[in-house]
Every structure is written in C-alpha cells, then in structure tokens.
Amino acid sequence: MTDLSSRDMFDDTSKNWARDEPRLLSDWTARPFLLQWCPSIRDCKVLDLGCGEGYFTRQLARSDKGPAAHMEGIDLSAGMIEFAEANENQVPLNITYSVGCATDFTPRLDSYDLITAVFVYNYTTVEQMHQSMSRVYDHLSPGGYFIFSLPHPVNPFMDTGTDSFHFERSGGWFSGRDQTFEGQMAQRDGSEVSVRCLHKTFQDVLDGLRSAGFTHFPDFRELAVTEEMIAEDADFFGPLADLPLHMAFRIRK
C-alpha cells in the first residue's frame, strides 16, 4: 500500500483485523486457496508483502509447506506491524516484520523463493501496482513464485443484493480505473471491516506483470463461495452464492 489514507485507515482499525482464527469472509473464500497454491517453502526464503497484522504469514509458517529458512512480512501500517510483532513475541514462528511500502520496499534479503501479496493491490493505483511488481521481480529468485490476490474487478459492477461484500463504485469499467471504491466486508460475528478497491482491469494486471519482466502467462483463478461453505453456514455464505468475489494469480520467474 502506498496511499497515505490507506495507511491511516489500517493504523486506526488494526485491532479489528487482528485474529488467529478465520473471521473475515476472505478467510474462507480466498486465503485457504492461496495457502494451498503456495509451493513447498521448506528451506526457502519467503516474503509476505503487505502482510497486515500477519494472519496469512502465520498461516503459511504453521502449514505443512515448511519450515522456511527465512520468513518475512512487510506492511505500510505501523499499527498492523505492531500487532504482528506482538503475536510473534507471544507465539514465536521465526517471522521477522518491518514497516515498508509495496512500491519501494527494502527487504532484509536480496532474493526470495516465494513472494506473496494478499489483497494489497486493491489499495494502490495502477502505476503503483506496476512499480511494486517490478520490485517483486527484482527480488524474486530464478524459478521463484509470485502469488497475489485482488477483489474481483467485476464485483462492484454487479447488483449482488447483499451487504456481505460490496463496494460503492464511481465511474465505468474503463473510466473508473484508479477510482477509489469504498466498501465493506462482513465478518462471521455479524460485524464488518472497511475495505477499499482502486479499480483495475484484467489488462492492468497482465500489463504490470509483463512490464516487470515476467515472461510466462500466470495461473489464474476466480474465487467464490463453495457449496461446502453454504452447507456450513447458509446465512453467512448463501447470499454470495454464484458471485465472483476475488481473483488469484500465480506466476513463476
């Protein structure tokens, strides 16, 4: 994240994001898939860019993918990093955290085998996303993976009929590029957290990867609620059935 208002938003609401169990909608509909998509990190160097309070970083560190040789998280919000470090002090997982910006971050190591960016680029402009992808490419080891996710750009343009996950859009599909769509995402306890989406098209994402230096076409998935989720909690997941919620990308250097 590079927008100061985004940093302020997360500094002010960091306590609402701090968690060690799934609570946000995307803790079911996106992060488990991203974790599954990650390659083995055993003896590897891993960077979680825009790590927030460290929820996904910890999930990856605890998974059977590791242990990693080096695990690191960077986030623009000092408040988020404070929560991440407090959690690490209480339950050490050998993760180091630091405050840094997605577009010009300075990691502790020169190169990484895996870099993740979970819902980071919805808080950046198209230009900032492209700058960040170039930095990622520069710090990715040959053969290393870059995995990232975004809210599905179609979602704000659909009449979903639900407040569980929605954005207030301004502008059209093309004219709305880089416009800020403010939104809300439900938590399973009935509360909500504020989210933000600076609108981008699919072409913006692919152009950024290509201009960064990636030559392979990325793996791509559209993520939504599953029948299993609806069977578990129809009230929470049911209103979002058959709707595009997120998109995930995986590309190798």
C-alpha atoms as a PDB file:
ATOM      1  CA  MET A   1       0.000   0.000   0.000  1.00  0.00           C
ATOM      2  CA  THR A   2       1.269   3.461  -0.775  1.00  0.00           C
ATOM      3  CA  ASP A   3      -1.734   5.716  -0.273  1.00  0.00           C
ATOM      4  CA  LEU A   4      -1.446   7.645   2.989  1.00  0.00           C
ATOM      5  CA  SER A   5      -5.194   7.443   3.579  1.00  0.00           C
ATOM      6  CA  SER A   6      -4.971   3.640   3.348  1.00  0.00           C
ATOM      7  CA  ARG A   7      -2.152   3.623   5.870  1.00  0.00           C
ATOM      8  CA  ASP A   8      -4.164   5.821   8.216  1.00  0.00           C
ATOM      9  CA  MET A   9      -7.230   3.626   7.750  1.00  0.00           C
ATOM     10  CA  PHE A  10      -5.334   0.497   8.781  1.00  0.00           C
ATOM     11  CA  ASP A  11      -3.483   2.226  11.617  1.00  0.00           C
ATOM     12  CA  ASP A  12      -6.849   3.301  13.016  1.00  0.00           C
ATOM     13  CA  THR A  13      -8.563  -0.075  12.555  1.00  0.00           C
ATOM     14  CA  SER A  14      -5.679  -2.527  13.026  1.00  0.00           C
ATOM     15  CA  LYS A  15      -7.274  -4.056  16.126  1.00  0.00           C
ATOM     16  CA  ASN A  16     -10.325  -5.012  14.037  1.00  0.00           C
ATOM     17  CA  TRP A  17      -8.131  -7.105  11.727  1.00  0.00           C
ATOM     18  CA  ALA A  18      -6.039  -8.847  14.398  1.00  0.00           C
ATOM     19  CA  ARG A  19      -7.004 -12.522  14.537  1.00  0.00           C
ATOM     20  CA  ASP A  20      -5.630 -16.040  14.660  1.00  0.00           C
ATOM     21  CA  GLU A  21      -8.796 -17.842  13.582  1.00  0.00           C
ATOM     22  CA  PRO A  22     -10.828 -17.265  10.393  1.00  0.00           C
ATOM     23  CA  ARG A  23     -13.270 -14.423  10.848  1.00  0.00           C
ATOM     24  CA  LEU A  24     -13.381 -12.328   7.679  1.00  0.00           C
ATOM     25  CA  LEU A  25     -15.263 -13.557   4.631  1.00  0.00           C
ATOM     26  CA  SER A  26     -11.997 -13.870   2.683  1.00  0.00           C
ATOM     27  CA  ASP A  27     -10.530 -16.059   5.440  1.00  0.00           C
ATOM     28  CA  TRP A  28     -12.744 -18.765   3.931  1.00  0.00           C
ATOM     29  CA  THR A  29     -13.197 -17.659   0.329  1.00  0.00           C
ATOM     30  CA  ALA A  30      -9.605 -16.689  -0.561  1.00  0.00           C
ATOM     31  CA  ARG A  31      -6.797 -17.322   1.914  1.00  0.00           C
ATOM     32  CA  PRO A  32      -7.155 -21.120   2.195  1.00  0.00           C
ATOM     33  CA  PHE A  33      -6.904 -21.395  -1.587  1.00  0.00           C
ATOM     34  CA  LEU A  34      -3.857 -19.120  -1.683  1.00  0.00           C
ATOM     35  CA  LEU A  35      -2.215 -21.194   1.031  1.00  0.00           C
ATOM     36  CA  GLN A  36      -2.918 -24.379  -0.919  1.00  0.00           C
ATOM     37  CA  TRP A  37      -1.497 -22.744  -4.052  1.00  0.00           C
ATOM     38  CA  CYS A  38       1.837 -21.974  -2.388  1.00  0.00           C
ATOM     39  CA  PRO A  39       4.686 -24.358  -3.240  1.00  0.00           C
ATOM     40  CA  SER A  40       6.761 -26.049  -0.571  1.00  0.00           C
ATOM     41  CA  ILE A  41       8.672 -23.435   1.408  1.00  0.00           C
ATOM     42  CA  ARG A  42      10.929 -25.907   3.199  1.00  0.00           C
ATOM     43  CA  ASP A  43      14.385 -24.322   3.475  1.00  0.00           C
ATOM     44  CA  CYS A  44      13.162 -21.445   1.277  1.00  0.00           C
ATOM     45  CA  LYS A  45      13.138 -17.672   1.691  1.00  0.00           C
ATOM     46  CA  VAL A  46       9.637 -16.185   1.853  1.00  0.00           C
ATOM     47  CA  LEU A  47       8.379 -12.590   1.792  1.00  0.00           C
ATOM     48  CA  ASP A  48       4.749 -11.655   2.504  1.00  0.00           C
ATOM     49  CA  LEU A  49       4.295  -8.188   1.026  1.00  0.00           C
ATOM     50  CA  GLY A  50       1.515  -6.148   2.601  1.00  0.00           C
ATOM     51  CA  CYS A  51       1.261  -8.704   5.392  1.00  0.00           C
ATOM     52  CA  GLY A  52      -1.099  -6.653   7.557  1.00  0.00           C
ATOM     53  CA  GLU A  53      -1.192  -7.992  11.109  1.00  0.00           C
ATOM     54  CA  GLY A  54       0.368 -11.232   9.885  1.00  0.00           C
ATOM     55  CA  TYR A  55      -2.624 -13.581   9.652  1.00  0.00           C
ATOM     56  CA  PHE A  56      -1.675 -15.155   6.316  1.00  0.00           C
ATOM     57  CA  THR A  57       2.041 -15.054   7.147  1.00  0.00           C
ATOM     58  CA  ARG A  58       1.399 -17.092  10.279  1.00  0.00           C
ATOM     59  CA  GLN A  59      -0.900 -19.487   8.434  1.00  0.00           C
ATOM     60  CA  LEU A  60       1.864 -20.183   5.926  1.00  0.00           C
ATOM     61  CA  ALA A  61       4.509 -20.539   8.634  1.00  0.00           C
ATOM     62  CA  ARG A  62       2.347 -23.062  10.518  1.00  0.00           C
ATOM     63  CA  SER A  63       1.433 -25.087   7.439  1.00  0.00           C
ATOM     64  CA  ASP A  64       2.974 -28.336   6.286  1.00  0.00           C
ATOM     65  CA  LYS A  65       4.654 -26.378   3.473  1.00  0.00           C
ATOM     66  CA  GLY A  66       7.619 -25.542   5.720  1.00  0.00           C
ATOM     67  CA  PRO A  67       9.550 -24.782   7.720  1.00  0.00           C
ATOM     68  CA  ALA A  68      11.057 -21.939   5.731  1.00  0.00           C
ATOM     69  CA  ALA A  69      14.661 -20.891   6.085  1.00  0.00           C
ATOM     70  CA  HIS A  70      13.547 -17.256   6.296  1.00  0.00           C
ATOM     71  CA  MET A  71      10.043 -15.820   6.706  1.00  0.00           C
ATOM     72  CA  GLU A  72       9.447 -12.088   6.497  1.00  0.00           C
ATOM     73  CA  GLY A  73       6.467  -9.734   6.439  1.00  0.00           C
ATOM     74  CA  ILE A  74       6.334  -6.099   5.329  1.00  0.00           C
ATOM     75  CA  ASP A  75       3.395  -3.696   5.665  1.00  0.00           C
ATOM     76  CA  LEU A  76       2.858   0.038   5.316  1.00  0.00           C
ATOM     77  CA  SER A  77       0.834   0.272   8.534  1.00  0.00           C
ATOM     78  CA  ALA A  78       2.870   0.578  11.718  1.00  0.00           C
ATOM     79  CA  GLY A  79      -0.242  -0.378  13.668  1.00  0.00           C
ATOM     80  CA  MET A  80      -0.565  -3.641  11.764  1.00  0.00           C
ATOM     81  CA  ILE A  81       3.118  -4.454  12.235  1.00  0.00           C
ATOM     82  CA  GLU A  82       2.791  -3.755  15.956  1.00  0.00           C
ATOM     83  CA  PHE A  83       0.092  -6.432  16.204  1.00  0.00           C
ATOM     84  CA  ALA A  84       2.140  -8.829  14.069  1.00  0.00           C
ATOM     85  CA  GLU A  85       5.227  -8.415  16.246  1.00  0.00           C
ATOM     86  CA  ALA A  86       3.200  -8.782  19.440  1.00  0.00           C
ATOM     87  CA  ASN A  87       1.824 -12.074  18.145  1.00  0.00           C
ATOM     88  CA  GLU A  88       5.317 -13.233  17.169  1.00  0.00           C
ATOM     89  CA  ASN A  89       6.599 -12.397  20.658  1.00  0.00           C
ATOM     90  CA  GLN A  90       3.800 -14.416  22.252  1.00  0.00           C
ATOM     91  CA  VAL A  91       3.976 -17.392  19.875  1.00  0.00           C
ATOM     92  CA  PRO A  92       7.331 -17.376  18.041  1.00  0.00           C
ATOM     93  CA  LEU A  93       7.222 -18.676  14.470  1.00  0.00           C
ATOM     94  CA  ASN A  94      10.577 -17.260  13.370  1.00  0.00           C
ATOM     95  CA  ILE A  95       8.933 -14.463  11.366  1.00  0.00           C
ATOM     96  CA  THR A  96      10.501 -11.016  11.100  1.00  0.00           C
ATOM     97  CA  TYR A  97       8.336  -7.971  10.420  1.00  0.00           C
ATOM     98  CA  SER A  98       9.058  -4.431   9.275  1.00  0.00           C
ATOM     99  CA  VAL A  99       7.234  -1.322   8.102  1.00  0.00           C
ATOM    100  CA  GLY A 100       7.608  -0.716   4.377  1.00  0.00           C
ATOM    101  CA  CYS A 101       5.828   0.368   1.215  1.00  0.00           C
ATOM    102  CA  ALA A 102       4.774  -2.033  -1.532  1.00  0.00           C
ATOM    103  CA  THR A 103       6.239   0.132  -4.285  1.00  0.00           C
ATOM    104  CA  ASP A 104       9.737   0.733  -2.923  1.00  0.00           C
ATOM    105  CA  PHE A 105      10.163  -1.834  -0.149  1.00  0.00           C
ATOM    106  CA  THR A 106      13.649  -2.742   1.043  1.00  0.00           C
ATOM    107  CA  PRO A 107      13.574  -6.353   2.253  1.00  0.00           C
ATOM    108  CA  ARG A 108      16.158  -7.922   4.521  1.00  0.00           C
ATOM    109  CA  LEU A 109      17.431 -10.291   1.823  1.00  0.00           C
ATOM    110  CA  ASP A 110      18.385  -9.779  -1.808  1.00  0.00           C
ATOM    111  CA  SER A 111      16.168 -12.542  -3.191  1.00  0.00           C
ATOM    112  CA  TYR A 112      13.239 -14.775  -2.228  1.00  0.00           C
ATOM    113  CA  ASP A 113      11.862 -18.093  -3.434  1.00  0.00           C
ATOM    114  CA  LEU A 114       8.262 -17.043  -2.787  1.00  0.00           C
ATOM    115  CA  ILE A 115       6.697 -13.598  -2.558  1.00  0.00           C
ATOM    116  CA  THR A 116       3.020 -13.219  -1.696  1.00  0.00           C
ATOM    117  CA  ALA A 117       0.788 -10.136  -1.785  1.00  0.00           C
ATOM    118  CA  VAL A 118      -2.653 -10.941  -0.393  1.00  0.00           C
ATOM    119  CA  PHE A 119      -5.148  -8.158  -1.162  1.00  0.00           C
ATOM    120  CA  VAL A 120      -2.503  -5.471  -1.498  1.00  0.00           C
ATOM    121  CA  TYR A 121      -3.015  -4.051  -4.971  1.00  0.00           C
ATOM    122  CA  ASN A 122      -6.609  -3.010  -4.373  1.00  0.00           C
ATOM    123  CA  TYR A 123      -5.036  -0.235  -2.258  1.00  0.00           C
ATOM    124  CA  THR A 124      -2.674   1.032  -4.975  1.00  0.00           C
ATOM    125  CA  THR A 125      -3.051   2.858  -8.246  1.00  0.00           C
ATOM    126  CA  VAL A 126      -2.285   1.034 -11.477  1.00  0.00           C
ATOM    127  CA  GLU A 127       1.087   2.777 -11.684  1.00  0.00           C
ATOM    128  CA  GLN A 128       1.935   1.868  -8.091  1.00  0.00           C
ATOM    129  CA  MET A 129       0.969  -1.757  -8.715  1.00  0.00           C
ATOM    130  CA  HIS A 130       3.273  -1.857 -11.734  1.00  0.00           C
ATOM    131  CA  GLN A 131       6.108  -0.347  -9.671  1.00  0.00           C
ATOM    132  CA  SER A 132       5.553  -2.956  -6.979  1.00  0.00           C
ATOM    133  CA  MET A 133       5.525  -5.819  -9.467  1.00  0.00           C
ATOM    134  CA  SER A 134       8.863  -4.618 -10.830  1.00  0.00           C
ATOM    135  CA  ARG A 135      10.299  -4.634  -7.306  1.00  0.00           C
ATOM    136  CA  VAL A 136       8.902  -8.110  -6.749  1.00  0.00           C
ATOM    137  CA  TYR A 137      10.501  -9.359  -9.958  1.00  0.00           C
ATOM    138  CA  ASP A 138      13.856  -7.853  -8.975  1.00  0.00           C
ATOM    139  CA  HIS A 139      13.775  -9.616  -5.585  1.00  0.00           C
ATOM    140  CA  LEU A 140      12.451 -12.967  -6.820  1.00  0.00           C
ATOM    141  CA  SER A 141      14.923 -15.801  -7.282  1.00  0.00           C
ATOM    142  CA  PRO A 142      15.029 -17.503 -10.703  1.00  0.00           C
ATOM    143  CA  GLY A 143      12.287 -20.130 -10.633  1.00  0.00           C
ATOM    144  CA  GLY A 144      10.632 -18.403  -7.678  1.00  0.00           C
ATOM    145  CA  TYR A 145       6.872 -17.854  -7.391  1.00  0.00           C
ATOM    146  CA  PHE A 146       4.848 -14.670  -7.021  1.00  0.00           C
ATOM    147  CA  ILE A 147       1.312 -15.248  -5.708  1.00  0.00           C
ATOM    148  CA  PHE A 148      -1.181 -12.429  -5.191  1.00  0.00           C
ATOM    149  CA  SER A 149      -4.898 -11.740  -4.916  1.00  0.00           C
ATOM    150  CA  LEU A 150      -7.328  -8.904  -5.583  1.00  0.00           C
ATOM    151  CA  PRO A 151     -11.051  -8.337  -5.191  1.00  0.00           C
ATOM    152  CA  HIS A 152     -12.708  -9.410  -8.428  1.00  0.00           C
ATOM    153  CA  PRO A 153     -12.995  -6.201 -10.502  1.00  0.00           C
ATOM    154  CA  VAL A 154     -16.434  -7.221 -11.789  1.00  0.00           C
ATOM    155  CA  ASN A 155     -17.900  -7.326  -8.279  1.00  0.00           C
ATOM    156  CA  PRO A 156     -18.531  -3.573  -7.844  1.00  0.00           C
ATOM    157  CA  PHE A 157     -20.397  -3.517 -11.161  1.00  0.00           C
ATOM    158  CA  MET A 158     -22.858  -6.223 -10.130  1.00  0.00           C
ATOM    159  CA  ASP A 159     -26.066  -5.817  -8.170  1.00  0.00           C
ATOM    160  CA  THR A 160     -25.280  -8.508  -5.628  1.00  0.00           C
ATOM    161  CA  GLY A 161     -28.283  -7.829  -3.440  1.00  0.00           C
ATOM    162  CA  THR A 162     -26.187  -8.344  -0.319  1.00  0.00           C
ATOM    163  CA  ASP A 163     -24.117  -6.219   2.038  1.00  0.00           C
ATOM    164  CA  SER A 164     -21.769  -9.086   2.919  1.00  0.00           C
ATOM    165  CA  PHE A 165     -19.122  -7.915   0.457  1.00  0.00           C
ATOM    166  CA  HIS A 166     -19.717  -4.828  -1.625  1.00  0.00           C
ATOM    167  CA  PHE A 167     -18.141  -1.667  -2.987  1.00  0.00           C
ATOM    168  CA  GLU A 168     -19.626   1.707  -3.872  1.00  0.00           C
ATOM    169  CA  ARG A 169     -18.316   2.269  -7.379  1.00  0.00           C
ATOM    170  CA  SER A 170     -17.749   5.522  -9.221  1.00  0.00           C
ATOM    171  CA  GLY A 171     -17.269   5.549 -12.973  1.00  0.00           C
ATOM    172  CA  GLY A 172     -17.474   2.774 -15.525  1.00  0.00           C
ATOM    173  CA  TRP A 173     -15.300  -0.248 -16.263  1.00  0.00           C
ATOM    174  CA  PHE A 174     -12.689   1.829 -18.102  1.00  0.00           C
ATOM    175  CA  SER A 175     -13.420   5.360 -16.885  1.00  0.00           C
ATOM    176  CA  GLY A 176     -13.344   4.089 -13.304  1.00  0.00           C
ATOM    177  CA  ARG A 177      -9.710   2.949 -13.478  1.00  0.00           C
ATOM    178  CA  ASP A 178      -7.815   4.199 -10.421  1.00  0.00           C
ATOM    179  CA  GLN A 179     -11.039   5.453  -8.873  1.00  0.00           C
ATOM    180  CA  THR A 180     -11.415   4.547  -5.209  1.00  0.00           C
ATOM    181  CA  PHE A 181     -14.362   2.270  -4.467  1.00  0.00           C
ATOM    182  CA  GLU A 182     -15.014   2.226  -0.719  1.00  0.00           C
ATOM    183  CA  GLY A 183     -16.552  -0.964   0.609  1.00  0.00           C
ATOM    184  CA  GLN A 184     -17.392  -3.253   3.493  1.00  0.00           C
ATOM    185  CA  MET A 185     -16.627  -6.909   4.118  1.00  0.00           C
ATOM    186  CA  ALA A 186     -18.611  -8.975   6.578  1.00  0.00           C
ATOM    187  CA  GLN A 187     -17.181 -10.894   9.490  1.00  0.00           C
ATOM    188  CA  ARG A 188     -18.853 -14.038  10.663  1.00  0.00           C
ATOM    189  CA  ASP A 189     -19.752 -12.490  14.011  1.00  0.00           C
ATOM    190  CA  GLY A 190     -22.003 -10.026  12.193  1.00  0.00           C
ATOM    191  CA  SER A 191     -19.644  -7.050  12.237  1.00  0.00           C
ATOM    192  CA  GLU A 192     -17.897  -5.513   9.237  1.00  0.00           C
ATOM    193  CA  VAL A 193     -14.498  -4.104   8.328  1.00  0.00           C
ATOM    194  CA  SER A 194     -13.872  -1.278   5.902  1.00  0.00           C
ATOM    195  CA  VAL A 195     -12.117  -2.227   2.672  1.00  0.00           C
ATOM    196  CA  ARG A 196     -11.050  -0.264  -0.360  1.00  0.00           C
ATOM    197  CA  CYS A 197     -10.584  -1.022  -4.035  1.00  0.00           C
ATOM    198  CA  LEU A 198      -8.790   1.222  -6.509  1.00  0.00           C
ATOM    199  CA  HIS A 199     -10.339  -0.178  -9.662  1.00  0.00           C
ATOM    200  CA  LYS A 200      -8.159  -2.021 -12.168  1.00  0.00           C
ATOM    201  CA  THR A 201      -8.929  -4.060 -15.252  1.00  0.00           C
ATOM    202  CA  PHE A 202      -7.568  -7.508 -16.044  1.00  0.00           C
ATOM    203  CA  GLN A 203      -5.344  -5.889 -18.651  1.00  0.00           C
ATOM    204  CA  ASP A 204      -3.821  -3.612 -15.996  1.00  0.00           C
ATOM    205  CA  VAL A 205      -2.703  -6.662 -14.032  1.00  0.00           C
ATOM    206  CA  LEU A 206      -1.304  -8.528 -17.028  1.00  0.00           C
ATOM    207  CA  ASP A 207       0.451  -5.410 -18.334  1.00  0.00           C
ATOM    208  CA  GLY A 208       2.095  -4.941 -14.945  1.00  0.00           C
ATOM    209  CA  LEU A 209       3.451  -8.477 -14.885  1.00  0.00           C
ATOM    210  CA  ARG A 210       4.767  -8.197 -18.418  1.00  0.00           C
ATOM    211  CA  SER A 211       6.403  -4.804 -17.875  1.00  0.00           C
ATOM    212  CA  ALA A 212       8.018  -6.122 -14.681  1.00  0.00           C
ATOM    213  CA  GLY A 213       9.812  -8.777 -16.715  1.00  0.00           C
ATOM    214  CA  PHE A 214       7.680 -11.893 -16.248  1.00  0.00           C
ATOM    215  CA  THR A 215       7.501 -13.901 -19.465  1.00  0.00           C
ATOM    216  CA  HIS A 216       5.168 -16.763 -18.507  1.00  0.00           C
ATOM    217  CA  PHE A 217       1.396 -16.412 -18.544  1.00  0.00           C
ATOM    218  CA  PRO A 218       0.145 -16.559 -14.939  1.00  0.00           C
ATOM    219  CA  ASP A 219      -2.061 -19.217 -13.421  1.00  0.00           C
ATOM    220  CA  PHE A 220      -5.397 -17.554 -12.712  1.00  0.00           C
ATOM    221  CA  ARG A 221      -8.390 -18.459 -10.557  1.00  0.00           C
ATOM    222  CA  GLU A 222     -11.686 -16.735  -9.831  1.00  0.00           C
ATOM    223  CA  LEU A 223     -12.696 -17.361  -6.229  1.00  0.00           C
ATOM    224  CA  ALA A 224     -16.194 -17.625  -4.783  1.00  0.00           C
ATOM    225  CA  VAL A 225     -18.107 -19.323  -2.001  1.00  0.00           C
ATOM    226  CA  THR A 226     -18.394 -23.090  -2.333  1.00  0.00           C
ATOM    227  CA  GLU A 227     -21.261 -25.474  -1.697  1.00  0.00           C
ATOM    228  CA  GLU A 228     -19.377 -26.717   1.363  1.00  0.00           C
ATOM    229  CA  MET A 229     -19.281 -23.205   2.792  1.00  0.00           C
ATOM    230  CA  ILE A 230     -23.000 -22.730   2.217  1.00  0.00           C
ATOM    231  CA  ALA A 231     -23.730 -26.078   3.872  1.00  0.00           C
ATOM    232  CA  GLU A 232     -21.687 -24.953   6.877  1.00  0.00           C
ATOM    233  CA  ASP A 233     -23.354 -21.543   7.258  1.00  0.00           C
ATOM    234  CA  ALA A 234     -26.088 -20.706   4.758  1.00  0.00           C
ATOM    235  CA  ASP A 235     -26.935 -17.377   6.388  1.00  0.00           C
ATOM    236  CA  PHE A 236     -23.380 -16.073   6.074  1.00  0.00           C
ATOM    237  CA  PHE A 237     -22.259 -17.555   2.755  1.00  0.00           C
ATOM    238  CA  GLY A 238     -25.563 -18.174   0.957  1.00  0.00           C
ATOM    239  CA  PRO A 239     -26.283 -14.597  -0.205  1.00  0.00           C
ATOM    240  CA  LEU A 240     -22.952 -14.605  -2.066  1.00  0.00           C
ATOM    241  CA  ALA A 241     -23.528 -17.855  -3.954  1.00  0.00           C
ATOM    242  CA  ASP A 242     -22.527 -17.819  -7.623  1.00  0.00           C
ATOM    243  CA  LEU A 243     -20.900 -14.371  -7.389  1.00  0.00           C
ATOM    244  CA  PRO A 244     -17.281 -13.536  -8.298  1.00  0.00           C
ATOM    245  CA  LEU A 245     -15.559 -12.354  -5.115  1.00  0.00           C
ATOM    246  CA  HIS A 246     -11.802 -12.456  -5.645  1.00  0.00           C
ATOM    247  CA  MET A 247      -9.179 -13.334  -8.221  1.00  0.00           C
ATOM    248  CA  ALA A 248      -5.839 -15.019  -7.616  1.00  0.00           C
ATOM    249  CA  PHE A 249      -2.678 -15.053  -9.709  1.00  0.00           C
ATOM    250  CA  ARG A 250       0.421 -17.224  -9.567  1.00  0.00           C
ATOM    251  CA  ILE A 251       3.420 -16.687 -11.802  1.00  0.00           C
ATOM    252  CA  ARG A 252       6.949 -18.049 -11.881  1.00  0.00           C
ATOM    253  CA  LYS A 253      10.114 -16.150 -12.730  1.00  0.00           C
END
